[in-house]
Protein backbone atom coordinates (compact mmCIF):
# COMPACT_ATOMS: atom_id res chain seq x y z
CA UNK A 1 0.00 0.00 0.00
CA UNK A 2 2.77 2.41 0.92
CA UNK A 3 4.73 1.78 -2.27
CA UNK A 4 1.70 2.37 -4.51
CA UNK A 5 0.69 5.52 -2.62
CA UNK A 6 4.29 6.75 -2.52
CA UNK A 7 4.90 6.30 -6.25
CA UNK A 8 1.59 7.83 -7.28
CA UNK A 9 2.05 10.77 -4.90
CA UNK A 10 5.49 11.53 -6.40
CA UNK A 11 4.00 11.34 -9.90
CA UNK A 12 1.21 13.76 -8.94
CA UNK A 13 3.55 16.19 -7.14
CA UNK A 14 6.24 16.26 -9.84
CA UNK A 15 4.45 15.21 -13.02
CA UNK A 16 7.59 13.22 -13.81
CA UNK A 17 7.94 9.47 -14.29
CA UNK A 18 11.69 9.99 -13.80
CA UNK A 19 10.95 11.19 -10.25
CA UNK A 20 9.10 7.92 -9.61
CA UNK A 21 12.19 6.05 -10.85
CA UNK A 22 14.40 8.06 -8.47
CA UNK A 23 12.08 7.21 -5.56
CA UNK A 24 12.22 3.49 -6.36
CA UNK A 25 16.00 3.66 -6.83
CA UNK A 26 16.49 5.38 -3.46
CA UNK A 27 14.35 2.75 -1.73
CA UNK A 28 16.33 -0.17 -3.17
CA UNK A 29 19.82 1.39 -3.24
CA UNK A 30 20.62 0.28 0.35
CA UNK A 31 19.87 -3.35 -0.57
CA UNK A 32 22.35 -3.12 -3.45
CA UNK A 33 25.13 -1.52 -1.38
CA UNK A 34 24.55 -2.96 2.10
CA UNK A 35 22.86 -6.30 1.37
CA UNK A 36 25.83 -8.56 2.30
CA UNK A 37 26.49 -6.55 5.47
CA UNK A 38 22.83 -6.84 6.48
CA UNK A 39 22.94 -10.62 6.00
CA UNK A 40 25.96 -10.76 8.28
CA UNK A 41 24.09 -8.71 10.92
CA UNK A 42 21.15 -11.13 10.70
CA UNK A 43 23.57 -14.00 11.42
CA UNK A 44 25.12 -12.24 14.40
CA UNK A 45 22.05 -10.93 16.26
CA UNK A 46 18.65 -12.22 17.40
CA UNK A 47 16.29 -12.15 14.40
CA UNK A 48 13.19 -11.37 16.47
CA UNK A 49 14.82 -8.29 18.00
CA UNK A 50 15.97 -7.08 14.57
CA UNK A 51 12.43 -7.46 13.24
CA UNK A 52 10.97 -5.59 16.22
CA UNK A 53 13.40 -2.72 15.64
CA UNK A 54 12.84 -2.60 11.87
CA UNK A 55 9.04 -2.80 12.01
CA UNK A 56 8.92 -0.07 14.67
CA UNK A 57 11.10 2.17 12.49
CA UNK A 58 8.93 1.42 9.43
CA UNK A 59 5.81 2.39 11.42
CA UNK A 60 7.39 5.72 12.41
CA UNK A 61 8.40 6.49 8.79
CA UNK A 62 4.92 5.64 7.48
CA UNK A 63 3.35 7.81 10.20
CA UNK A 64 5.58 10.77 9.24
CA UNK A 65 4.51 10.41 5.59
CA UNK A 66 0.86 10.19 6.66
CA UNK A 67 1.08 13.39 8.73
CA UNK A 68 2.87 15.30 5.95
CA UNK A 69 0.36 14.14 3.33
CA UNK A 70 -2.76 14.74 5.46
CA UNK A 71 -1.58 18.25 6.44
CA UNK A 72 -0.85 19.04 2.76
CA UNK A 73 2.81 19.83 3.54
CA UNK A 74 4.29 16.94 1.58
CA UNK A 75 6.97 17.69 -1.04
CA UNK A 76 8.86 15.40 -3.39
CA UNK A 77 12.09 15.68 -1.40
CA UNK A 78 10.24 14.49 1.73
CA UNK A 79 9.27 11.32 -0.10
CA UNK A 80 12.86 10.86 -1.38
CA UNK A 81 14.30 11.07 2.15
CA UNK A 82 11.73 8.70 3.66
CA UNK A 83 12.09 6.25 0.75
CA UNK A 84 15.86 6.11 1.39
CA UNK A 85 15.31 5.71 5.15
CA UNK A 86 12.77 2.93 4.52
CA UNK A 87 15.33 1.26 2.23
CA UNK A 88 17.86 1.29 5.08
CA UNK A 89 15.27 -0.35 7.35
CA UNK A 90 14.29 -2.92 4.73
CA UNK A 91 17.87 -3.97 3.97
CA UNK A 92 18.16 -5.24 7.56
CA UNK A 93 14.57 -6.45 7.83
CA UNK A 94 14.61 -8.73 4.76
CA UNK A 95 17.41 -11.19 5.68
CA UNK A 96 16.23 -11.33 9.30
CA UNK A 97 12.64 -12.03 8.19
CA UNK A 98 13.67 -14.74 5.74
CA UNK A 99 15.86 -16.54 8.29
CA UNK A 100 13.23 -16.10 11.01
CA UNK A 101 10.96 -18.48 9.08
CA UNK A 102 13.36 -21.28 10.07
CA UNK A 103 13.20 -20.24 13.72
CA UNK A 104 9.39 -20.33 13.61
CA UNK A 105 8.96 -23.83 12.16
CA UNK A 106 12.32 -25.63 12.37
CA UNK A 107 14.10 -27.54 9.58
CA UNK A 108 11.41 -30.21 9.09
CA UNK A 109 8.83 -27.80 7.65
CA UNK A 110 11.17 -25.15 6.28
CA UNK A 111 10.58 -25.60 2.53
CA UNK A 112 6.80 -25.56 2.90
CA UNK A 113 7.03 -22.62 5.29
CA UNK A 114 9.06 -20.63 2.74
CA UNK A 115 6.37 -21.26 0.11
CA UNK A 116 3.58 -20.33 2.55
CA UNK A 117 5.54 -17.19 3.50
CA UNK A 118 5.90 -16.28 -0.17
CA UNK A 119 2.18 -16.93 -0.74
CA UNK A 120 1.26 -14.65 2.17
CA UNK A 121 3.63 -11.97 0.89
CA UNK A 122 2.15 -12.12 -2.62
CA UNK A 123 -1.37 -12.09 -1.19
CA UNK A 124 -0.46 -8.83 0.52
CA UNK A 125 0.91 -7.65 -2.82
CA UNK A 126 -2.47 -8.50 -4.37
CA UNK A 127 -4.70 -6.88 -1.75
CA UNK A 128 -2.45 -3.93 -0.85
CA UNK A 129 -2.29 -2.23 -4.27
CA UNK A 130 -6.03 -2.63 -4.77
CA UNK A 131 -6.74 -1.06 -1.36
CA UNK A 132 -4.17 1.67 -2.00
CA UNK A 133 -5.84 2.49 -5.32
CA UNK A 134 -9.22 2.77 -3.59
CA UNK A 135 -7.84 4.94 -0.79
CA UNK A 136 -5.94 7.19 -3.21
CA UNK A 137 -9.11 7.73 -5.23
CA UNK A 138 -11.44 8.16 -2.23
CA UNK A 139 -9.46 9.98 0.49
CA UNK A 140 -5.86 10.53 -0.69
CA UNK A 141 -2.40 9.07 -0.08
CA UNK A 142 -2.18 10.11 3.57
CA UNK A 143 -4.64 7.44 4.73
CA UNK A 144 -2.78 4.73 2.80
CA UNK A 145 0.39 5.68 4.72
CA UNK A 146 -1.56 5.70 7.99
CA UNK A 147 -2.91 2.21 7.26
CA UNK A 148 0.63 0.97 6.65
CA UNK A 149 1.80 2.46 9.96
CA UNK A 150 -1.01 0.57 11.71
CA UNK A 151 -0.03 -2.64 9.90
CA UNK A 152 3.58 -2.29 11.07
CA UNK A 153 2.36 -1.77 14.64
CA UNK A 154 0.31 -4.98 14.41
CA UNK A 155 3.45 -6.84 13.29
CA UNK A 156 5.33 -5.51 16.32
CA UNK A 157 2.47 -6.66 18.58
CA UNK A 158 2.55 -10.17 17.07
CA UNK A 159 6.33 -10.44 17.48
CA UNK A 160 6.00 -9.41 21.14
CA UNK A 161 3.33 -12.06 21.82
CA UNK A 162 5.23 -14.99 20.25
CA UNK A 163 6.02 -17.88 22.60
CA UNK A 164 9.81 -17.55 22.66
CA UNK A 165 10.26 -20.96 24.33
CA UNK A 166 8.78 -22.68 21.23
CA UNK A 167 11.06 -20.98 18.69
CA UNK A 168 13.88 -22.95 17.02
CA UNK A 169 16.47 -20.29 17.81
CA UNK A 170 19.84 -20.73 16.13
CA UNK A 171 22.99 -19.65 17.95
CA UNK A 172 24.26 -16.23 16.74
CA UNK A 173 27.42 -16.43 14.65
CA UNK A 174 30.41 -14.96 16.54
CA UNK A 175 32.13 -11.97 14.99
CA UNK A 176 35.35 -12.84 13.21
CA UNK A 177 37.54 -11.42 10.49
CA UNK A 178 36.66 -12.36 6.91
CA UNK A 179 33.02 -13.36 7.51
CA UNK A 180 31.81 -11.54 4.42
CA UNK A 181 34.50 -13.05 2.20
CA UNK A 182 33.79 -16.49 3.60
CA UNK A 183 30.09 -16.19 2.77
CA UNK A 184 30.89 -15.00 -0.77
CA UNK A 185 33.31 -17.89 -1.37
CA UNK A 186 30.72 -20.37 -0.14
CA UNK A 187 28.00 -18.95 -2.42
CA UNK A 188 30.31 -19.01 -5.46
CA UNK A 189 31.28 -22.63 -4.79
CA UNK A 190 27.66 -23.88 -4.75
CA UNK A 191 25.91 -24.01 -8.17
CA UNK A 192 22.50 -24.20 -6.46
CA UNK A 193 23.25 -20.80 -4.88
CA UNK A 194 25.39 -19.23 -7.59
CA UNK A 195 23.03 -19.66 -10.58
CA UNK A 196 19.81 -18.49 -8.86
CA UNK A 197 21.87 -15.60 -7.46
CA UNK A 198 23.03 -14.63 -10.96
CA UNK A 199 19.52 -14.98 -12.39
CA UNK A 200 18.07 -12.90 -9.56
CA UNK A 201 20.51 -10.15 -10.54
CA UNK A 202 19.34 -10.18 -14.16
CA UNK A 203 15.67 -10.25 -13.15
CA UNK A 204 16.23 -7.36 -10.71
CA UNK A 205 17.87 -5.20 -13.39
CA UNK A 206 15.68 -6.00 -16.40
CA UNK A 207 12.29 -7.10 -14.98
CA UNK A 208 11.82 -5.26 -11.68
CA UNK A 209 11.24 -1.80 -13.17
CA UNK A 210 7.49 -2.50 -13.24
CA UNK A 211 6.56 0.19 -10.63
CA UNK A 212 7.94 2.91 -12.89
CA UNK A 213 6.57 1.45 -16.13
CA UNK A 214 3.11 0.79 -14.69
CA UNK A 215 2.93 4.31 -13.24
CA UNK A 216 3.73 5.72 -16.69
CA UNK A 217 1.16 3.46 -18.39
CA UNK A 218 -1.59 4.22 -15.86
CA UNK A 219 -1.00 7.97 -16.11
CA UNK A 220 0.14 8.63 -19.69
CA UNK A 221 -1.14 5.72 -21.80
CA UNK A 222 -4.45 4.59 -20.29
CA UNK A 223 -5.29 7.68 -18.18
CA UNK A 224 -6.52 5.21 -15.56
CA UNK A 225 -5.67 7.26 -12.47
CA UNK A 226 -4.66 5.97 -9.05
CA UNK A 227 -7.27 3.21 -9.10
CA UNK A 228 -5.94 1.91 -12.41
CA UNK A 229 -2.36 1.99 -11.11
CA UNK A 230 -3.40 -0.02 -8.05
CA UNK A 231 -5.24 -2.53 -10.24
CA UNK A 232 -2.24 -3.02 -12.57
CA UNK A 233 -0.01 -3.78 -9.56
CA UNK A 234 -2.66 -6.10 -8.09
CA UNK A 235 -2.74 -8.11 -11.32
CA UNK A 236 1.06 -8.51 -11.23
CA UNK A 237 0.73 -9.80 -7.67
CA UNK A 238 -2.07 -12.17 -8.75
CA UNK A 239 0.36 -13.92 -11.13
CA UNK A 240 3.02 -14.04 -8.42
CA UNK A 241 0.49 -15.48 -5.95
CA UNK A 242 -0.41 -18.25 -8.42
CA UNK A 243 3.29 -19.06 -8.78
CA UNK A 244 3.84 -19.13 -5.01
CA UNK A 245 0.88 -21.50 -4.48
CA UNK A 246 2.15 -23.76 -7.27
CA UNK A 247 5.64 -23.91 -5.74
CA UNK A 248 4.16 -24.79 -2.34
CA UNK A 249 2.68 -27.96 -3.88
CA UNK A 250 6.01 -29.21 -5.27
CA UNK A 251 7.68 -31.96 -3.28
CA UNK A 252 11.15 -31.13 -4.54
CA UNK A 253 12.76 -28.23 -6.35
CA UNK A 254 15.54 -28.60 -8.92
CA UNK A 255 17.89 -25.99 -10.33
CA UNK A 256 16.47 -26.56 -13.82
CA UNK A 257 13.00 -25.63 -12.54
CA UNK A 258 14.38 -22.32 -11.27
CA UNK A 259 16.10 -21.73 -14.63
CA UNK A 260 12.85 -22.53 -16.47
CA UNK A 261 11.00 -20.02 -14.30
CA UNK A 262 13.62 -17.36 -15.07
CA UNK A 263 13.30 -18.14 -18.81
CA UNK A 264 9.51 -17.76 -18.59
CA UNK A 265 9.99 -14.37 -16.95
CA UNK A 266 12.09 -13.37 -19.97
């Protein structure tokens, strides 16, 4: 919801699709630069505490955007700064969240849990843009940001109420010299990590520019407005949801299946 509202708000404030691209770039730049470091932090510290910190910070950032938008004081540079700050939060949140799945269910159910997690994520990606489109059309971007702040607070509440004694907590990795290099060498030595890693890079560069392209199509080509932009993003998520449900039903996953999926994306 926040991403849809954020992108559309920038487009309305600036009238520039390039400004939308800058916003998206600022939000994902930290992942590009600090991704390996964030993974190392997730190995060294308690994942639940990292998630509590990150979700609390995300709630604050969403609330600031909501206040600025609802008081009509929002400017493009405000969105740029908060998008970059949210990117810094997300870069730490993502590896901790992905590894935390293992601590929730243990190794026996890990593969199914990853698929269920992906399905839930894509379901949010399906519902969120549609709701954001409705809110943008009905009451404006500020309420979409406020709803996201409330959602982050609910995540914090759920993390606080988890039964810690039932978690499969892994021992934090001790700090030592060369951890980052060691992780890189390991990834490069494993084809099942290396090839999906390489393909993910290509997909990220050439196929993940959809937010910018869809904003341009909704505004300039179809004149569909905020509701149309939300619907376009919801349809993308619908396809991703179907893929996540399909992968959850597979008993085993081979590298060639991943490569076939990447080819179909192309």
